[in-house]
Amino acid sequence: MKSKKIKIQGLNHQFYFWGSPKKPKLFLFHGWLDTAASFDFLCRYLEKDFYCIAPDMRGYGKK
């Protein structure tokens, strides 16, 4: 799992990435009171076939 802060319209957002960017992209969005890092167990399996991208929603996880 790699993480990176990306600025979008002046706001910092934390994103997590698994797998190779050359593979098909799969975006994952967490629910209320959760964080994107909770997809780690799932994406360790999915990264064989997909490039998983999961952002922390505003107000949750790392900012």
PDB file of N, CA and C in Angstrom:
ATOM      1  N   MET A   1       0.854  -1.180   0.000  1.00  0.00           N
ATOM      2  CA  MET A   1       0.000   0.000   0.000  1.00  0.00           C
ATOM      3  C   MET A   1       0.894   1.234   0.000  1.00  0.00           C
ATOM      4  N   LYS A   2       0.580   2.140  -0.901  1.00  0.00           N
ATOM      5  CA  LYS A   2       1.258   3.431  -0.957  1.00  0.00           C
ATOM      6  C   LYS A   2       0.218   4.496  -0.624  1.00  0.00           C
ATOM      7  N   SER A   3       0.659   5.579  -0.030  1.00  0.00           N
ATOM      8  CA  SER A   3      -0.269   6.674   0.237  1.00  0.00           C
ATOM      9  C   SER A   3       0.347   7.976  -0.260  1.00  0.00           C
ATOM     10  N   LYS A   4      -0.537   8.903  -0.617  1.00  0.00           N
ATOM     11  CA  LYS A   4      -0.083  10.183  -1.139  1.00  0.00           C
ATOM     12  C   LYS A   4      -1.146  11.232  -0.875  1.00  0.00           C
ATOM     13  N   LYS A   5      -0.686  12.430  -0.504  1.00  0.00           N
ATOM     14  CA  LYS A   5      -1.611  13.556  -0.361  1.00  0.00           C
ATOM     15  C   LYS A   5      -1.680  14.276  -1.700  1.00  0.00           C
ATOM     16  N   ILE A   6      -2.893  14.521  -2.146  1.00  0.00           N
ATOM     17  CA  ILE A   6      -3.110  15.198  -3.420  1.00  0.00           C
ATOM     18  C   ILE A   6      -3.991  16.413  -3.162  1.00  0.00           C
ATOM     19  N   LYS A   7      -3.561  17.565  -3.671  1.00  0.00           N
ATOM     20  CA  LYS A   7      -4.334  18.795  -3.486  1.00  0.00           C
ATOM     21  C   LYS A   7      -5.339  18.923  -4.622  1.00  0.00           C
ATOM     22  N   ILE A   8      -6.605  19.050  -4.261  1.00  0.00           N
ATOM     23  CA  ILE A   8      -7.684  19.225  -5.236  1.00  0.00           C
ATOM     24  C   ILE A   8      -8.477  20.467  -4.837  1.00  0.00           C
ATOM     25  N   GLN A   9      -8.525  21.436  -5.707  1.00  0.00           N
ATOM     26  CA  GLN A   9      -9.204  22.712  -5.465  1.00  0.00           C
ATOM     27  C   GLN A   9      -8.809  23.317  -4.123  1.00  0.00           C
ATOM     28  N   GLY A  10      -7.512  23.283  -3.834  1.00  0.00           N
ATOM     29  CA  GLY A  10      -6.977  23.913  -2.637  1.00  0.00           C
ATOM     30  C   GLY A  10      -7.091  23.092  -1.361  1.00  0.00           C
ATOM     31  N   LEU A  11      -7.684  21.908  -1.426  1.00  0.00           N
ATOM     32  CA  LEU A  11      -7.830  21.047  -0.252  1.00  0.00           C
ATOM     33  C   LEU A  11      -6.977  19.799  -0.399  1.00  0.00           C
ATOM     34  N   ASN A  12      -6.277  19.422   0.686  1.00  0.00           N
ATOM     35  CA  ASN A  12      -5.481  18.201   0.665  1.00  0.00           C
ATOM     36  C   ASN A  12      -6.365  16.987   0.891  1.00  0.00           C
ATOM     37  N   HIS A  13      -6.150  15.962   0.084  1.00  0.00           N
ATOM     38  CA  HIS A  13      -6.875  14.700   0.205  1.00  0.00           C
ATOM     39  C   HIS A  13      -5.855  13.571   0.295  1.00  0.00           C
ATOM     40  N   GLN A  14      -6.092  12.626   1.178  1.00  0.00           N
ATOM     41  CA  GLN A  14      -5.220  11.457   1.331  1.00  0.00           C
ATOM     42  C   GLN A  14      -5.742  10.329   0.449  1.00  0.00           C
ATOM     43  N   PHE A  15      -4.880   9.778  -0.413  1.00  0.00           N
ATOM     44  CA  PHE A  15      -5.232   8.657  -1.278  1.00  0.00           C
ATOM     45  C   PHE A  15      -4.327   7.476  -0.972  1.00  0.00           C
ATOM     46  N   TYR A  16      -4.868   6.278  -1.120  1.00  0.00           N
ATOM     47  CA  TYR A  16      -4.102   5.047  -0.961  1.00  0.00           C
ATOM     48  C   TYR A  16      -4.145   4.290  -2.277  1.00  0.00           C
ATOM     49  N   PHE A  17      -3.028   3.631  -2.609  1.00  0.00           N
ATOM     50  CA  PHE A  17      -2.897   2.927  -3.885  1.00  0.00           C
ATOM     51  C   PHE A  17      -2.318   1.534  -3.657  1.00  0.00           C
ATOM     52  N   TRP A  18      -2.826   0.570  -4.411  1.00  0.00           N
ATOM     53  CA  TRP A  18      -2.325  -0.802  -4.387  1.00  0.00           C
ATOM     54  C   TRP A  18      -2.178  -1.264  -5.829  1.00  0.00           C
ATOM     55  N   GLY A  19      -1.128  -2.017  -6.130  1.00  0.00           N
ATOM     56  CA  GLY A  19      -0.969  -2.613  -7.445  1.00  0.00           C
ATOM     57  C   GLY A  19      -0.241  -1.725  -8.434  1.00  0.00           C
ATOM     58  N   SER A  20      -0.322  -2.103  -9.703  1.00  0.00           N
ATOM     59  CA  SER A  20       0.371  -1.412 -10.788  1.00  0.00           C
ATOM     60  C   SER A  20      -0.575  -0.466 -11.525  1.00  0.00           C
ATOM     61  N   PRO A  21      -0.130   0.782 -11.782  1.00  0.00           N
ATOM     62  CA  PRO A  21      -0.962   1.725 -12.528  1.00  0.00           C
ATOM     63  C   PRO A  21      -1.284   1.265 -13.951  1.00  0.00           C
ATOM     64  N   LYS A  22      -0.596   0.255 -14.452  1.00  0.00           N
ATOM     65  CA  LYS A  22      -0.841  -0.254 -15.801  1.00  0.00           C
ATOM     66  C   LYS A  22      -2.081  -1.149 -15.863  1.00  0.00           C
ATOM     67  N   LYS A  23      -2.561  -1.588 -14.714  1.00  0.00           N
ATOM     68  CA  LYS A  23      -3.731  -2.477 -14.662  1.00  0.00           C
ATOM     69  C   LYS A  23      -5.017  -1.647 -14.639  1.00  0.00           C
ATOM     70  N   PRO A  24      -6.175  -2.257 -14.887  1.00  0.00           N
ATOM     71  CA  PRO A  24      -7.447  -1.515 -14.827  1.00  0.00           C
ATOM     72  C   PRO A  24      -7.651  -0.881 -13.441  1.00  0.00           C
ATOM     73  N   LYS A  25      -8.164   0.338 -13.436  1.00  0.00           N
ATOM     74  CA  LYS A  25      -8.378   1.067 -12.179  1.00  0.00           C
ATOM     75  C   LYS A  25      -9.661   0.617 -11.490  1.00  0.00           C
ATOM     76  N   LEU A  26      -9.562   0.503 -10.178  1.00  0.00           N
ATOM     77  CA  LEU A  26     -10.717   0.165  -9.356  1.00  0.00           C
ATOM     78  C   LEU A  26     -10.746   1.169  -8.206  1.00  0.00           C
ATOM     79  N   PHE A  27     -11.784   2.015  -8.174  1.00  0.00           N
ATOM     80  CA  PHE A  27     -11.918   3.021  -7.122  1.00  0.00           C
ATOM     81  C   PHE A  27     -12.783   2.459  -6.002  1.00  0.00           C
ATOM     82  N   LEU A  28     -12.329   2.643  -4.761  1.00  0.00           N
ATOM     83  CA  LEU A  28     -13.071   2.170  -3.594  1.00  0.00           C
ATOM     84  C   LEU A  28     -13.348   3.352  -2.675  1.00  0.00           C
ATOM     85  N   PHE A  29     -14.589   3.471  -2.214  1.00  0.00           N
ATOM     86  CA  PHE A  29     -14.992   4.568  -1.337  1.00  0.00           C
ATOM     87  C   PHE A  29     -15.571   3.988  -0.052  1.00  0.00           C
ATOM     88  N   HIS A  30     -15.034   4.448   1.070  1.00  0.00           N
ATOM     89  CA  HIS A  30     -15.473   3.922   2.361  1.00  0.00           C
ATOM     90  C   HIS A  30     -16.763   4.578   2.838  1.00  0.00           C
ATOM     91  N   GLY A  31     -17.373   3.952   3.808  1.00  0.00           N
ATOM     92  CA  GLY A  31     -18.612   4.465   4.388  1.00  0.00           C
ATOM     93  C   GLY A  31     -18.353   5.344   5.594  1.00  0.00           C
ATOM     94  N   TRP A  32     -19.416   5.677   6.262  1.00  0.00           N
ATOM     95  CA  TRP A  32     -19.384   6.558   7.421  1.00  0.00           C
ATOM     96  C   TRP A  32     -18.567   5.934   8.545  1.00  0.00           C
ATOM     97  N   LEU A  33     -17.758   6.731   9.229  1.00  0.00           N
ATOM     98  CA  LEU A  33     -16.896   6.327  10.347  1.00  0.00           C
ATOM     99  C   LEU A  33     -15.856   5.274   9.972  1.00  0.00           C
ATOM    100  N   ASP A  34     -15.392   5.304   8.737  1.00  0.00           N
ATOM    101  CA  ASP A  34     -14.381   4.371   8.277  1.00  0.00           C
ATOM    102  C   ASP A  34     -13.266   5.169   7.606  1.00  0.00           C
ATOM    103  N   THR A  35     -12.205   4.503   7.152  1.00  0.00           N
ATOM    104  CA  THR A  35     -11.138   5.162   6.408  1.00  0.00           C
ATOM    105  C   THR A  35     -10.764   4.302   5.206  1.00  0.00           C
ATOM    106  N   ALA A  36     -10.079   4.908   4.263  1.00  0.00           N
ATOM    107  CA  ALA A  36      -9.667   4.188   3.061  1.00  0.00           C
ATOM    108  C   ALA A  36      -8.664   3.082   3.379  1.00  0.00           C
ATOM    109  N   ALA A  37      -7.879   3.248   4.422  1.00  0.00           N
ATOM    110  CA  ALA A  37      -6.892   2.235   4.792  1.00  0.00           C
ATOM    111  C   ALA A  37      -7.550   0.907   5.166  1.00  0.00           C
ATOM    112  N   SER A  38      -8.825   0.921   5.482  1.00  0.00           N
ATOM    113  CA  SER A  38      -9.516  -0.321   5.843  1.00  0.00           C
ATOM    114  C   SER A  38      -9.681  -1.258   4.651  1.00  0.00           C
ATOM    115  N   PHE A  39      -9.419  -0.769   3.430  1.00  0.00           N
ATOM    116  CA  PHE A  39      -9.475  -1.618   2.242  1.00  0.00           C
ATOM    117  C   PHE A  39      -8.201  -2.430   2.044  1.00  0.00           C
ATOM    118  N   ASP A  40      -7.214  -2.247   2.910  1.00  0.00           N
ATOM    119  CA  ASP A  40      -5.923  -2.913   2.742  1.00  0.00           C
ATOM    120  C   ASP A  40      -6.064  -4.426   2.604  1.00  0.00           C
ATOM    121  N   PHE A  41      -6.843  -5.052   3.478  1.00  0.00           N
ATOM    122  CA  PHE A  41      -6.991  -6.517   3.428  1.00  0.00           C
ATOM    123  C   PHE A  41      -7.586  -6.975   2.099  1.00  0.00           C
ATOM    124  N   LEU A  42      -8.514  -6.222   1.542  1.00  0.00           N
ATOM    125  CA  LEU A  42      -9.161  -6.565   0.282  1.00  0.00           C
ATOM    126  C   LEU A  42      -8.249  -6.284  -0.908  1.00  0.00           C
ATOM    127  N   CYS A  43      -7.601  -5.135  -0.900  1.00  0.00           N
ATOM    128  CA  CYS A  43      -6.780  -4.727  -2.036  1.00  0.00           C
ATOM    129  C   CYS A  43      -5.499  -5.538  -2.157  1.00  0.00           C
ATOM    130  N   ARG A  44      -5.033  -6.135  -1.086  1.00  0.00           N
ATOM    131  CA  ARG A  44      -3.867  -7.018  -1.191  1.00  0.00           C
ATOM    132  C   ARG A  44      -4.194  -8.205  -2.096  1.00  0.00           C
ATOM    133  N   TYR A  45      -5.430  -8.599  -2.139  1.00  0.00           N
ATOM    134  CA  TYR A  45      -5.880  -9.661  -3.035  1.00  0.00           C
ATOM    135  C   TYR A  45      -6.190  -9.106  -4.434  1.00  0.00           C
ATOM    136  N   LEU A  46      -6.883  -7.976  -4.494  1.00  0.00           N
ATOM    137  CA  LEU A  46      -7.313  -7.400  -5.773  1.00  0.00           C
ATOM    138  C   LEU A  46      -6.175  -6.822  -6.607  1.00  0.00           C
ATOM    139  N   GLU A  47      -5.057  -6.447  -5.968  1.00  0.00           N
ATOM    140  CA  GLU A  47      -3.974  -5.799  -6.699  1.00  0.00           C
ATOM    141  C   GLU A  47      -3.328  -6.710  -7.742  1.00  0.00           C
ATOM    142  N   LYS A  48      -3.624  -7.990  -7.691  1.00  0.00           N
ATOM    143  CA  LYS A  48      -3.116  -8.909  -8.720  1.00  0.00           C
ATOM    144  C   LYS A  48      -3.733  -8.583 -10.081  1.00  0.00           C
ATOM    145  N   ASP A  49      -4.966  -8.095 -10.076  1.00  0.00           N
ATOM    146  CA  ASP A  49      -5.697  -7.822 -11.315  1.00  0.00           C
ATOM    147  C   ASP A  49      -6.067  -6.363 -11.528  1.00  0.00           C
ATOM    148  N   PHE A  50      -5.991  -5.548 -10.474  1.00  0.00           N
ATOM    149  CA  PHE A  50      -6.442  -4.153 -10.552  1.00  0.00           C
ATOM    150  C   PHE A  50      -5.446  -3.204  -9.903  1.00  0.00           C
ATOM    151  N   TYR A  51      -5.559  -1.940 -10.297  1.00  0.00           N
ATOM    152  CA  TYR A  51      -4.864  -0.855  -9.612  1.00  0.00           C
ATOM    153  C   TYR A  51      -5.913  -0.209  -8.715  1.00  0.00           C
ATOM    154  N   CYS A  52      -5.848  -0.475  -7.436  1.00  0.00           N
ATOM    155  CA  CYS A  52      -6.861  -0.001  -6.482  1.00  0.00           C
ATOM    156  C   CYS A  52      -6.516   1.398  -5.996  1.00  0.00           C
ATOM    157  N   ILE A  53      -7.519   2.266  -5.989  1.00  0.00           N
ATOM    158  CA  ILE A  53      -7.368   3.655  -5.550  1.00  0.00           C
ATOM    159  C   ILE A  53      -8.474   3.938  -4.545  1.00  0.00           C
ATOM    160  N   ALA A  54      -8.084   4.380  -3.341  1.00  0.00           N
ATOM    161  CA  ALA A  54      -9.078   4.652  -2.300  1.00  0.00           C
ATOM    162  C   ALA A  54      -8.743   5.969  -1.597  1.00  0.00           C
ATOM    163  N   PRO A  55      -9.637   6.949  -1.650  1.00  0.00           N
ATOM    164  CA  PRO A  55      -9.411   8.207  -0.940  1.00  0.00           C
ATOM    165  C   PRO A  55     -10.041   8.172   0.460  1.00  0.00           C
ATOM    166  N   ASP A  56      -9.416   8.918   1.375  1.00  0.00           N
ATOM    167  CA  ASP A  56     -10.080   9.180   2.656  1.00  0.00           C
ATOM    168  C   ASP A  56     -11.103  10.271   2.398  1.00  0.00           C
ATOM    169  N   MET A  57     -12.349  10.031   2.735  1.00  0.00           N
ATOM    170  CA  MET A  57     -13.376  11.043   2.544  1.00  0.00           C
ATOM    171  C   MET A  57     -13.119  12.197   3.514  1.00  0.00           C
ATOM    172  N   ARG A  58     -13.575  13.375   3.160  1.00  0.00           N
ATOM    173  CA  ARG A  58     -13.316  14.567   3.979  1.00  0.00           C
ATOM    174  C   ARG A  58     -13.818  14.357   5.400  1.00  0.00           C
ATOM    175  N   GLY A  59     -12.918  14.636   6.351  1.00  0.00           N
ATOM    176  CA  GLY A  59     -13.276  14.509   7.754  1.00  0.00           C
ATOM    177  C   GLY A  59     -12.952  13.159   8.364  1.00  0.00           C
ATOM    178  N   TYR A  60     -12.461  12.212   7.558  1.00  0.00           N
ATOM    179  CA  TYR A  60     -12.135  10.874   8.048  1.00  0.00           C
ATOM    180  C   TYR A  60     -10.711  10.524   7.650  1.00  0.00           C
ATOM    181  N   GLY A  61     -10.057   9.707   8.449  1.00  0.00           N
ATOM    182  CA  GLY A  61      -8.701   9.261   8.156  1.00  0.00           C
ATOM    183  C   GLY A  61      -7.715  10.404   8.232  1.00  0.00           C
ATOM    184  N   LYS A  62      -6.664  10.320   7.414  1.00  0.00           N
ATOM    185  CA  LYS A  62      -5.636  11.365   7.385  1.00  0.00           C
ATOM    186  C   LYS A  62      -6.070  12.489   6.461  1.00  0.00           C
ATOM    187  N   LYS A  63      -5.710  13.701   6.855  1.00  0.00           N
ATOM    188  CA  LYS A  63      -6.073  14.873   6.037  1.00  0.00           C
ATOM    189  C   LYS A  63      -4.838  15.484   5.437  1.00  0.00           C
TER     190      LYS A  63
END
